[in-house]
Amino acid sequence: LYIGGNFTHVGPPTGGGVAIDAGTGSVQQPYPKVIGTVFVVAADGSGGWYLGGLFSSVRGQARNNLAQIDASGSLTAWNPNANATVRALTVSGGTVYVGGEFTQIGGQGRNRIAAVDGSNGTPDAWNPNSNNIVESFAVSGDTVYVAGSFTSIGGQARNRIAALSASS
């Protein structure tokens, strides 16, 4: 079989993200087959991954901008359903901190920042309400450090960087 056209690569349809073995460099299968773009990945602590980005499905199932792939490469039921792009993820204990451009997650209003349960994807009461995009996180103890394009977060004026209490 010969094929022709204006292309530079022929290979398996992997979609917008693949896992690569850190030791061997080989692509792990099965492919998650993300329809869209993955911007951020965070380890789930059990050999799997949380994915964030601008996508509509993973492994043939609807997932809006957030998904979890388990250690075997299967899509989990975790589905917080962010209504716009996810640009930042970090995991602390059983909580997944999510940042980006969304205004709703898990059916609840959350402006660009949220904390969701790592096992069921339900948002918790934590709601700092950023007035612009959240682009990165770091967590240390009870403090969540946040960076992005915002000028107000947690009810306070903050110019693109802030330290938030994880508990309040």
N, C-alpha and C. Protein backbone atom coordinates (compact mmCIF):
# COMPACT_ATOMS: atom_id res chain seq x y z
N LEU A 1 0.86 -1.18 0.00
CA LEU A 1 0.00 0.00 0.00
C LEU A 1 0.89 1.22 0.00
N TYR A 2 0.62 2.13 -0.91
CA TYR A 2 1.33 3.40 -0.97
C TYR A 2 0.32 4.51 -0.71
N ILE A 3 0.76 5.52 0.04
CA ILE A 3 -0.10 6.67 0.28
C ILE A 3 0.66 7.93 -0.09
N GLY A 4 -0.03 8.97 -0.43
CA GLY A 4 0.60 10.24 -0.77
C GLY A 4 -0.23 11.38 -0.26
N GLY A 5 0.40 12.50 -0.08
CA GLY A 5 -0.31 13.68 0.40
C GLY A 5 0.63 14.68 1.02
N ASN A 6 0.09 15.70 1.60
CA ASN A 6 0.87 16.76 2.21
C ASN A 6 0.95 16.51 3.72
N PHE A 7 1.78 15.54 4.13
CA PHE A 7 1.93 15.21 5.54
C PHE A 7 3.41 14.97 5.83
N THR A 8 3.75 15.03 7.12
CA THR A 8 5.15 14.81 7.52
C THR A 8 5.30 13.62 8.45
N HIS A 9 4.20 12.97 8.80
CA HIS A 9 4.27 11.85 9.73
C HIS A 9 3.11 10.90 9.50
N VAL A 10 3.40 9.62 9.59
CA VAL A 10 2.36 8.61 9.58
C VAL A 10 2.61 7.73 10.80
N GLY A 11 1.63 7.56 11.63
CA GLY A 11 1.80 6.77 12.84
C GLY A 11 0.46 6.52 13.50
N PRO A 12 0.50 5.94 14.66
CA PRO A 12 -0.77 5.66 15.34
C PRO A 12 -1.45 6.96 15.79
N PRO A 13 -2.78 6.99 15.76
CA PRO A 13 -3.51 8.18 16.20
C PRO A 13 -3.53 8.27 17.73
N THR A 14 -2.57 8.98 18.28
CA THR A 14 -2.43 9.03 19.73
C THR A 14 -3.31 10.08 20.40
N GLY A 15 -3.72 11.09 19.66
CA GLY A 15 -4.48 12.17 20.27
C GLY A 15 -3.56 13.19 20.92
N GLY A 16 -4.10 14.03 21.81
CA GLY A 16 -3.38 15.16 22.36
C GLY A 16 -2.47 14.88 23.54
N GLY A 17 -2.23 13.62 23.88
CA GLY A 17 -1.34 13.32 25.00
C GLY A 17 -0.99 11.86 25.05
N VAL A 18 0.24 11.56 25.40
CA VAL A 18 0.69 10.18 25.59
C VAL A 18 1.58 10.11 26.81
N ALA A 19 1.66 8.95 27.42
CA ALA A 19 2.56 8.72 28.56
C ALA A 19 3.83 8.06 28.02
N ILE A 20 4.98 8.55 28.50
CA ILE A 20 6.26 8.01 28.08
C ILE A 20 6.97 7.46 29.31
N ASP A 21 7.46 6.23 29.23
CA ASP A 21 8.19 5.62 30.32
C ASP A 21 9.48 6.39 30.56
N ALA A 22 9.68 6.89 31.79
CA ALA A 22 10.85 7.71 32.11
C ALA A 22 12.15 6.93 32.00
N GLY A 23 12.12 5.63 32.19
CA GLY A 23 13.33 4.82 32.13
C GLY A 23 13.73 4.42 30.73
N THR A 24 12.74 4.04 29.92
CA THR A 24 13.04 3.51 28.59
C THR A 24 12.76 4.49 27.46
N GLY A 25 11.92 5.49 27.71
CA GLY A 25 11.54 6.43 26.67
C GLY A 25 10.48 5.90 25.74
N SER A 26 9.98 4.70 25.99
CA SER A 26 8.95 4.14 25.11
C SER A 26 7.57 4.69 25.48
N VAL A 27 6.74 4.78 24.47
CA VAL A 27 5.38 5.26 24.66
C VAL A 27 4.56 4.15 25.30
N GLN A 28 3.88 4.50 26.38
CA GLN A 28 3.04 3.52 27.08
C GLN A 28 1.70 3.39 26.38
N GLN A 29 1.20 2.18 26.37
CA GLN A 29 -0.10 1.94 25.76
C GLN A 29 -1.03 1.34 26.79
N PRO A 30 -2.32 1.48 26.71
CA PRO A 30 -3.01 2.08 25.58
C PRO A 30 -2.89 3.61 25.61
N TYR A 31 -2.97 4.22 24.42
CA TYR A 31 -2.95 5.68 24.32
C TYR A 31 -4.23 6.24 24.93
N PRO A 32 -4.15 7.37 25.63
CA PRO A 32 -5.38 7.95 26.18
C PRO A 32 -6.30 8.52 25.10
N LYS A 33 -5.80 8.73 23.89
CA LYS A 33 -6.57 9.27 22.77
C LYS A 33 -7.40 10.48 23.19
N VAL A 34 -6.70 11.56 23.52
CA VAL A 34 -7.33 12.81 23.92
C VAL A 34 -7.70 13.59 22.67
N ILE A 35 -8.96 13.99 22.55
CA ILE A 35 -9.40 14.81 21.43
C ILE A 35 -9.34 16.27 21.88
N GLY A 36 -8.24 16.92 21.53
CA GLY A 36 -7.96 18.29 21.94
C GLY A 36 -6.53 18.38 22.41
N THR A 37 -6.26 19.35 23.27
CA THR A 37 -4.90 19.64 23.72
C THR A 37 -4.77 19.46 25.22
N VAL A 38 -3.72 18.75 25.63
CA VAL A 38 -3.38 18.62 27.05
C VAL A 38 -2.32 19.67 27.37
N PHE A 39 -2.61 20.55 28.33
CA PHE A 39 -1.67 21.58 28.74
C PHE A 39 -0.91 21.23 30.02
N VAL A 40 -1.51 20.37 30.85
CA VAL A 40 -0.91 20.09 32.15
C VAL A 40 -1.25 18.67 32.59
N VAL A 41 -0.29 18.03 33.27
CA VAL A 41 -0.46 16.68 33.78
C VAL A 41 0.05 16.66 35.21
N ALA A 42 -0.66 15.97 36.09
CA ALA A 42 -0.22 15.82 37.48
C ALA A 42 -0.40 14.37 37.90
N ALA A 43 0.62 13.81 38.54
CA ALA A 43 0.54 12.44 39.03
C ALA A 43 -0.55 12.33 40.09
N ASP A 44 -1.30 11.23 40.06
CA ASP A 44 -2.39 11.05 41.02
C ASP A 44 -1.95 10.35 42.30
N GLY A 45 -0.67 9.93 42.39
CA GLY A 45 -0.16 9.27 43.58
C GLY A 45 -0.38 7.76 43.59
N SER A 46 -1.07 7.25 42.56
CA SER A 46 -1.35 5.81 42.47
C SER A 46 -0.87 5.23 41.14
N GLY A 47 0.04 5.92 40.48
CA GLY A 47 0.56 5.45 39.21
C GLY A 47 -0.18 5.98 38.00
N GLY A 48 -1.25 6.73 38.22
CA GLY A 48 -2.03 7.33 37.14
C GLY A 48 -1.79 8.82 37.05
N TRP A 49 -2.63 9.47 36.26
CA TRP A 49 -2.42 10.89 35.97
C TRP A 49 -3.74 11.65 35.87
N TYR A 50 -3.72 12.89 36.32
CA TYR A 50 -4.80 13.82 36.03
C TYR A 50 -4.35 14.63 34.82
N LEU A 51 -5.24 14.85 33.87
CA LEU A 51 -4.95 15.62 32.68
C LEU A 51 -5.81 16.88 32.68
N GLY A 52 -5.23 18.00 32.28
CA GLY A 52 -5.98 19.24 32.13
C GLY A 52 -5.63 19.90 30.82
N GLY A 53 -6.57 20.61 30.23
CA GLY A 53 -6.30 21.28 28.98
C GLY A 53 -7.55 21.81 28.35
N LEU A 54 -7.57 21.73 27.03
CA LEU A 54 -8.73 22.13 26.24
C LEU A 54 -9.09 20.94 25.36
N PHE A 55 -9.92 20.05 25.89
CA PHE A 55 -10.29 18.85 25.16
C PHE A 55 -11.74 18.48 25.46
N SER A 56 -12.28 17.61 24.58
CA SER A 56 -13.70 17.25 24.70
C SER A 56 -13.92 15.77 24.99
N SER A 57 -12.91 14.93 24.73
CA SER A 57 -13.09 13.52 25.05
C SER A 57 -11.75 12.84 25.26
N VAL A 58 -11.78 11.75 26.01
CA VAL A 58 -10.61 10.92 26.28
C VAL A 58 -11.07 9.47 26.13
N ARG A 59 -10.32 8.71 25.36
CA ARG A 59 -10.63 7.30 25.09
C ARG A 59 -12.09 7.11 24.64
N GLY A 60 -12.57 8.05 23.84
CA GLY A 60 -13.90 7.94 23.27
C GLY A 60 -15.04 8.33 24.19
N GLN A 61 -14.73 8.83 25.40
CA GLN A 61 -15.78 9.25 26.33
C GLN A 61 -15.68 10.74 26.58
N ALA A 62 -16.81 11.39 26.70
CA ALA A 62 -16.85 12.84 26.92
C ALA A 62 -16.12 13.21 28.21
N ARG A 63 -15.19 14.13 28.10
CA ARG A 63 -14.50 14.71 29.25
C ARG A 63 -14.14 16.14 28.85
N ASN A 64 -14.71 17.10 29.55
CA ASN A 64 -14.46 18.50 29.26
C ASN A 64 -13.29 19.03 30.08
N ASN A 65 -12.12 19.04 29.46
CA ASN A 65 -10.95 19.75 29.95
C ASN A 65 -10.27 19.16 31.17
N LEU A 66 -10.82 18.14 31.79
CA LEU A 66 -10.22 17.43 32.92
C LEU A 66 -10.53 15.94 32.81
N ALA A 67 -9.53 15.12 33.13
CA ALA A 67 -9.74 13.67 33.12
C ALA A 67 -8.68 13.01 33.98
N GLN A 68 -8.91 11.76 34.31
CA GLN A 68 -7.93 10.96 35.04
C GLN A 68 -7.72 9.64 34.30
N ILE A 69 -6.45 9.30 34.12
CA ILE A 69 -6.05 8.03 33.54
C ILE A 69 -5.42 7.22 34.66
N ASP A 70 -5.85 5.98 34.87
CA ASP A 70 -5.28 5.17 35.95
C ASP A 70 -3.96 4.54 35.52
N ALA A 71 -3.33 3.82 36.42
CA ALA A 71 -2.01 3.23 36.17
C ALA A 71 -2.00 2.26 35.01
N SER A 72 -3.15 1.66 34.69
CA SER A 72 -3.21 0.72 33.57
C SER A 72 -3.49 1.41 32.24
N GLY A 73 -3.70 2.74 32.27
CA GLY A 73 -3.98 3.50 31.05
C GLY A 73 -5.45 3.64 30.75
N SER A 74 -6.31 3.21 31.66
CA SER A 74 -7.76 3.31 31.46
C SER A 74 -8.28 4.64 31.99
N LEU A 75 -9.31 5.15 31.35
CA LEU A 75 -9.99 6.34 31.81
C LEU A 75 -10.81 6.00 33.04
N THR A 76 -10.73 6.85 34.08
CA THR A 76 -11.53 6.62 35.29
C THR A 76 -12.85 7.37 35.18
N ALA A 77 -13.72 7.19 36.17
CA ALA A 77 -15.01 7.88 36.22
C ALA A 77 -14.86 9.33 36.68
N TRP A 78 -13.69 9.73 37.17
CA TRP A 78 -13.43 11.10 37.67
C TRP A 78 -13.72 12.09 36.55
N ASN A 79 -14.65 13.03 36.80
CA ASN A 79 -15.10 13.92 35.72
C ASN A 79 -15.63 15.23 36.28
N PRO A 80 -14.74 16.16 36.69
CA PRO A 80 -15.19 17.44 37.22
C PRO A 80 -15.84 18.37 36.20
N ASN A 81 -15.63 18.13 34.90
CA ASN A 81 -16.35 18.86 33.86
C ASN A 81 -16.15 20.37 33.92
N ALA A 82 -14.91 20.83 33.75
CA ALA A 82 -14.62 22.27 33.70
C ALA A 82 -15.17 22.84 32.39
N ASN A 83 -15.77 24.04 32.46
CA ASN A 83 -16.42 24.60 31.27
C ASN A 83 -15.48 25.39 30.37
N ALA A 84 -14.19 25.44 30.67
CA ALA A 84 -13.22 26.11 29.80
C ALA A 84 -11.83 25.55 30.11
N THR A 85 -10.82 26.10 29.50
CA THR A 85 -9.46 25.59 29.54
C THR A 85 -8.90 25.46 30.96
N VAL A 86 -8.23 24.32 31.20
CA VAL A 86 -7.49 24.09 32.44
C VAL A 86 -6.00 24.23 32.12
N ARG A 87 -5.30 25.08 32.88
CA ARG A 87 -3.89 25.36 32.63
C ARG A 87 -2.97 24.93 33.77
N ALA A 88 -3.53 24.63 34.94
CA ALA A 88 -2.69 24.29 36.10
C ALA A 88 -3.36 23.20 36.92
N LEU A 89 -2.56 22.25 37.40
CA LEU A 89 -3.01 21.19 38.28
C LEU A 89 -1.92 20.91 39.29
N THR A 90 -2.32 20.65 40.52
CA THR A 90 -1.40 20.09 41.50
C THR A 90 -2.23 19.25 42.46
N VAL A 91 -1.60 18.26 43.04
CA VAL A 91 -2.28 17.34 43.94
C VAL A 91 -1.66 17.46 45.32
N SER A 92 -2.50 17.56 46.33
CA SER A 92 -2.03 17.59 47.71
C SER A 92 -2.99 16.73 48.53
N GLY A 93 -2.47 15.62 49.04
CA GLY A 93 -3.33 14.67 49.75
C GLY A 93 -4.39 14.17 48.79
N GLY A 94 -5.64 14.26 49.18
CA GLY A 94 -6.74 13.82 48.34
C GLY A 94 -7.38 14.93 47.54
N THR A 95 -6.73 16.09 47.48
CA THR A 95 -7.29 17.25 46.79
C THR A 95 -6.52 17.55 45.51
N VAL A 96 -7.26 17.83 44.45
CA VAL A 96 -6.66 18.28 43.19
C VAL A 96 -7.00 19.75 43.04
N TYR A 97 -5.97 20.60 43.01
CA TYR A 97 -6.16 22.03 42.78
C TYR A 97 -6.11 22.26 41.28
N VAL A 98 -7.11 23.00 40.78
CA VAL A 98 -7.28 23.21 39.35
C VAL A 98 -7.30 24.71 39.08
N GLY A 99 -6.54 25.14 38.07
CA GLY A 99 -6.52 26.54 37.68
C GLY A 99 -6.64 26.66 36.18
N GLY A 100 -7.11 27.81 35.72
CA GLY A 100 -7.22 28.03 34.29
C GLY A 100 -8.15 29.16 33.96
N GLU A 101 -9.00 28.93 32.95
CA GLU A 101 -9.89 29.96 32.43
C GLU A 101 -11.37 29.68 32.70
N PHE A 102 -11.68 28.58 33.35
CA PHE A 102 -13.06 28.15 33.57
C PHE A 102 -13.79 29.06 34.56
N THR A 103 -15.12 29.00 34.51
CA THR A 103 -15.97 29.71 35.47
C THR A 103 -16.93 28.75 36.18
N GLN A 104 -16.92 27.48 35.75
CA GLN A 104 -17.70 26.44 36.42
C GLN A 104 -16.92 25.15 36.41
N ILE A 105 -17.05 24.41 37.50
CA ILE A 105 -16.45 23.09 37.60
C ILE A 105 -17.36 22.24 38.47
N GLY A 106 -17.63 21.03 38.04
CA GLY A 106 -18.55 20.17 38.79
C GLY A 106 -19.93 20.78 38.95
N GLY A 107 -20.34 21.61 37.99
CA GLY A 107 -21.66 22.25 38.04
C GLY A 107 -21.75 23.41 39.01
N GLN A 108 -20.62 23.80 39.62
CA GLN A 108 -20.62 24.90 40.58
C GLN A 108 -19.77 26.05 40.05
N GLY A 109 -20.17 27.27 40.36
CA GLY A 109 -19.41 28.45 39.95
C GLY A 109 -18.06 28.50 40.67
N ARG A 110 -17.00 28.52 39.89
CA ARG A 110 -15.64 28.66 40.41
C ARG A 110 -14.86 29.45 39.37
N ASN A 111 -14.49 30.66 39.71
CA ASN A 111 -13.79 31.52 38.77
C ASN A 111 -12.31 31.24 38.73
N ARG A 112 -11.93 30.42 37.76
CA ARG A 112 -10.54 30.17 37.37
C ARG A 112 -9.68 29.41 38.37
N ILE A 113 -10.25 29.03 39.51
CA ILE A 113 -9.50 28.27 40.52
C ILE A 113 -10.48 27.44 41.34
N ALA A 114 -10.09 26.20 41.62
CA ALA A 114 -10.98 25.32 42.39
C ALA A 114 -10.16 24.22 43.05
N ALA A 115 -10.75 23.62 44.06
CA ALA A 115 -10.20 22.42 44.70
C ALA A 115 -11.25 21.34 44.56
N VAL A 116 -10.85 20.20 43.98
CA VAL A 116 -11.81 19.11 43.78
C VAL A 116 -11.30 17.84 44.45
N ASP A 117 -12.24 17.00 44.82
CA ASP A 117 -11.90 15.72 45.44
C ASP A 117 -11.19 14.84 44.41
N GLY A 118 -10.06 14.30 44.79
CA GLY A 118 -9.27 13.47 43.89
C GLY A 118 -9.88 12.13 43.55
N SER A 119 -10.87 11.69 44.32
CA SER A 119 -11.48 10.40 44.03
C SER A 119 -12.80 10.51 43.27
N ASN A 120 -13.59 11.57 43.54
CA ASN A 120 -14.89 11.66 42.86
C ASN A 120 -15.08 12.91 42.02
N GLY A 121 -14.13 13.86 42.05
CA GLY A 121 -14.19 15.05 41.21
C GLY A 121 -15.13 16.13 41.67
N THR A 122 -15.71 15.99 42.86
CA THR A 122 -16.63 16.99 43.39
C THR A 122 -15.86 18.19 43.93
N PRO A 123 -16.24 19.42 43.54
CA PRO A 123 -15.58 20.59 44.10
C PRO A 123 -15.89 20.74 45.59
N ASP A 124 -14.89 21.19 46.36
CA ASP A 124 -15.17 21.46 47.77
C ASP A 124 -15.54 22.93 47.93
N ALA A 125 -15.73 23.38 49.15
CA ALA A 125 -16.21 24.74 49.41
C ALA A 125 -15.15 25.81 49.16
N TRP A 126 -13.89 25.43 49.03
CA TRP A 126 -12.78 26.38 48.80
C TRP A 126 -13.03 27.14 47.51
N ASN A 127 -13.08 28.48 47.58
CA ASN A 127 -13.46 29.27 46.41
C ASN A 127 -12.79 30.64 46.43
N PRO A 128 -11.49 30.73 46.07
CA PRO A 128 -10.77 31.99 46.10
C PRO A 128 -11.21 33.02 45.06
N ASN A 129 -11.91 32.61 43.99
CA ASN A 129 -12.50 33.56 43.05
C ASN A 129 -11.46 34.49 42.42
N SER A 130 -10.69 33.98 41.50
CA SER A 130 -9.69 34.77 40.79
C SER A 130 -10.35 35.59 39.68
N ASN A 131 -9.89 36.84 39.50
CA ASN A 131 -10.49 37.68 38.47
C ASN A 131 -9.85 37.49 37.09
N ASN A 132 -8.85 36.60 36.99
CA ASN A 132 -8.25 36.30 35.70
C ASN A 132 -7.58 34.93 35.77
N ILE A 133 -6.91 34.54 34.73
CA ILE A 133 -6.37 33.19 34.56
C ILE A 133 -5.39 32.79 35.66
N VAL A 134 -5.55 31.58 36.16
CA VAL A 134 -4.58 30.96 37.08
C VAL A 134 -3.74 30.00 36.25
N GLU A 135 -2.40 30.16 36.33
CA GLU A 135 -1.50 29.41 35.45
C GLU A 135 -0.59 28.42 36.15
N SER A 136 -0.39 28.55 37.47
CA SER A 136 0.45 27.56 38.16
C SER A 136 0.17 27.55 39.65
N PHE A 137 0.56 26.41 40.28
CA PHE A 137 0.35 26.17 41.70
C PHE A 137 1.61 25.58 42.33
N ALA A 138 1.71 25.77 43.62
CA ALA A 138 2.62 25.00 44.48
C ALA A 138 1.94 24.92 45.83
N VAL A 139 2.02 23.78 46.49
CA VAL A 139 1.39 23.61 47.80
C VAL A 139 2.46 23.24 48.80
N SER A 140 2.42 23.91 49.95
CA SER A 140 3.31 23.60 51.06
C SER A 140 2.49 23.66 52.33
N GLY A 141 2.28 22.51 52.95
CA GLY A 141 1.46 22.47 54.16
C GLY A 141 0.06 22.95 53.87
N ASP A 142 -0.39 23.98 54.59
CA ASP A 142 -1.74 24.54 54.43
C ASP A 142 -1.75 25.74 53.49
N THR A 143 -0.64 25.99 52.81
CA THR A 143 -0.56 27.16 51.93
C THR A 143 -0.53 26.73 50.47
N VAL A 144 -1.42 27.36 49.69
CA VAL A 144 -1.46 27.13 48.24
C VAL A 144 -0.93 28.39 47.58
N TYR A 145 0.21 28.26 46.91
CA TYR A 145 0.80 29.38 46.18
C TYR A 145 0.27 29.35 44.76
N VAL A 146 -0.15 30.52 44.26
CA VAL A 146 -0.81 30.61 42.97
C VAL A 146 -0.17 31.72 42.15
N ALA A 147 0.00 31.47 40.85
CA ALA A 147 0.50 32.50 39.95
C ALA A 147 -0.38 32.53 38.71
N GLY A 148 -0.49 33.70 38.10
CA GLY A 148 -1.30 33.83 36.89
C GLY A 148 -1.44 35.27 36.47
N SER A 149 -2.48 35.55 35.72
CA SER A 149 -2.72 36.90 35.18
C SER A 149 -3.66 37.73 36.05
N PHE A 150 -4.02 37.24 37.20
CA PHE A 150 -5.01 37.90 38.06
C PHE A 150 -4.43 39.13 38.77
N THR A 151 -5.35 40.01 39.20
CA THR A 151 -5.00 41.15 40.06
C THR A 151 -5.83 41.14 41.34
N SER A 152 -6.75 40.17 41.43
CA SER A 152 -7.56 40.00 42.64
C SER A 152 -7.85 38.51 42.81
N ILE A 153 -7.63 38.02 44.04
CA ILE A 153 -7.90 36.62 44.34
C ILE A 153 -8.10 36.50 45.84
N GLY A 154 -8.99 35.63 46.27
CA GLY A 154 -9.26 35.46 47.70
C GLY A 154 -9.79 36.72 48.35
N GLY A 155 -10.46 37.56 47.56
CA GLY A 155 -11.03 38.80 48.10
C GLY A 155 -10.00 39.89 48.35
N GLN A 156 -8.78 39.70 47.86
CA GLN A 156 -7.70 40.66 48.09
C GLN A 156 -7.05 41.06 46.77
N ALA A 157 -6.54 42.28 46.71
CA ALA A 157 -5.75 42.70 45.56
C ALA A 157 -4.41 41.98 45.62
N ARG A 158 -4.09 41.26 44.57
CA ARG A 158 -2.82 40.54 44.45
C ARG A 158 -2.39 40.60 43.00
N ASN A 159 -1.18 41.03 42.76
CA ASN A 159 -0.69 41.24 41.41
C ASN A 159 0.05 40.02 40.87
N ARG A 160 -0.71 39.07 40.35
CA ARG A 160 -0.20 37.90 39.63
C ARG A 160 0.43 36.80 40.47
N ILE A 161 0.50 36.98 41.77
CA ILE A 161 1.01 35.92 42.66
C ILE A 161 0.35 36.07 44.02
N ALA A 162 0.01 34.94 44.63
CA ALA A 162 -0.68 34.99 45.92
C ALA A 162 -0.41 33.72 46.71
N ALA A 163 -0.55 33.84 48.02
CA ALA A 163 -0.50 32.70 48.93
C ALA A 163 -1.88 32.59 49.57
N LEU A 164 -2.50 31.42 49.43
CA LEU A 164 -3.85 31.20 49.93
C LEU A 164 -3.86 30.11 50.98
N SER A 165 -4.77 30.21 51.93
CA SER A 165 -4.95 29.15 52.91
C SER A 165 -5.74 28.02 52.26
N ALA A 166 -5.24 26.81 52.36
CA ALA A 166 -5.95 25.66 51.80
C ALA A 166 -7.22 25.35 52.58
N SER A 167 -7.28 25.76 53.83
CA SER A 167 -8.44 25.45 54.66
C SER A 167 -9.51 26.53 54.64
N SER A 168 -9.12 27.76 54.29
CA SER A 168 -10.12 28.83 54.29
C SER A 168 -10.01 29.75 53.10
